[in-house]
Amino acid sequence: MNRFSLIPEVHLILESNGQLLLLKRANTGYEDGNYSLVAGHIDGNESAREAMVRGIIAYQHSTVSAQS
């Protein structure tokens, strides 16, 4: 019997004037075409804060487009 396991992840909620920052998923193989919060898995022994900083840096290096 397989033991239950969790994959820890972090989500960043950025809100300004009632609007949320969302990403449109692409080329991930999971939920591509749908919108998501900035998120990522916690790797190894890093803290949730370290994982979120890593996710923000990765987000900053991606293409950003604004839609209203």
Protein backbone atom coordinates (compact mmCIF):
# COMPACT_ATOMS: atom_id res chain seq x y z
CA MET A 1 0.00 0.00 0.00
CA ASN A 2 1.29 3.47 -0.90
CA ARG A 3 1.63 5.97 1.86
CA PHE A 4 -0.14 9.33 1.53
CA SER A 5 2.24 12.17 0.75
CA LEU A 6 1.91 15.91 0.22
CA ILE A 7 3.76 18.17 -2.20
CA PRO A 8 4.05 21.50 -0.38
CA GLU A 9 3.50 24.61 -2.45
CA VAL A 10 3.18 28.35 -2.00
CA HIS A 11 0.75 30.84 -3.58
CA LEU A 12 1.19 34.59 -3.82
CA ILE A 13 -1.90 36.81 -3.76
CA LEU A 14 -1.22 40.31 -5.09
CA GLU A 15 -4.21 42.65 -4.95
CA SER A 16 -4.42 46.30 -5.89
CA ASN A 17 -7.61 48.35 -6.08
CA GLY A 18 -9.74 45.21 -6.09
CA GLN A 19 -7.79 43.54 -8.91
CA LEU A 20 -5.77 40.34 -8.58
CA LEU A 21 -2.58 39.46 -10.42
CA LEU A 22 -3.14 36.18 -12.27
CA LEU A 23 -0.93 34.20 -14.63
CA LYS A 24 -2.18 32.37 -17.70
CA ARG A 25 -0.65 28.89 -17.54
CA ALA A 26 1.23 27.72 -20.64
CA ASN A 27 3.58 24.87 -21.54
CA THR A 28 3.34 23.20 -18.14
CA GLY A 29 1.33 20.12 -19.08
CA TYR A 30 -1.14 20.93 -16.30
CA GLU A 31 -4.11 23.30 -16.62
CA ASP A 32 -2.52 25.07 -19.61
CA GLY A 33 -4.72 27.93 -20.83
CA ASN A 34 -6.24 28.53 -17.39
CA TYR A 35 -5.44 31.35 -14.99
CA SER A 36 -3.57 30.85 -11.73
CA LEU A 37 -2.02 32.74 -8.84
CA VAL A 38 1.77 33.05 -8.83
CA ALA A 39 2.70 29.71 -7.25
CA GLY A 40 5.39 27.10 -6.92
CA HIS A 41 6.49 23.98 -5.07
CA ILE A 42 8.71 24.14 -2.02
CA ASP A 43 12.00 22.41 -2.91
CA GLY A 44 14.14 20.41 -0.50
CA ASN A 45 14.75 22.14 2.79
CA GLU A 46 13.81 25.66 1.72
CA SER A 47 11.25 27.65 3.70
CA ALA A 48 7.92 28.77 2.26
CA ARG A 49 9.30 32.32 2.15
CA GLU A 50 12.38 31.17 0.16
CA ALA A 51 10.14 29.28 -2.27
CA MET A 52 7.95 32.36 -2.80
CA VAL A 53 10.96 34.59 -3.42
CA ARG A 54 12.20 32.05 -5.98
CA GLY A 55 8.73 32.07 -7.59
CA ILE A 56 8.65 35.87 -7.75
CA ILE A 57 12.08 35.96 -9.39
CA ALA A 58 10.96 33.38 -11.95
CA TYR A 59 7.80 35.41 -12.58
CA GLN A 60 9.83 38.58 -13.13
CA HIS A 61 11.83 36.81 -15.84
CA SER A 62 8.67 35.75 -17.70
CA THR A 63 6.71 37.80 -20.22
CA VAL A 64 4.11 40.00 -18.55
CA SER A 65 1.01 41.38 -20.27
CA ALA A 66 -1.71 43.43 -18.61
CA GLN A 67 -5.41 42.84 -19.29
CA SER A 68 -8.34 44.66 -17.77
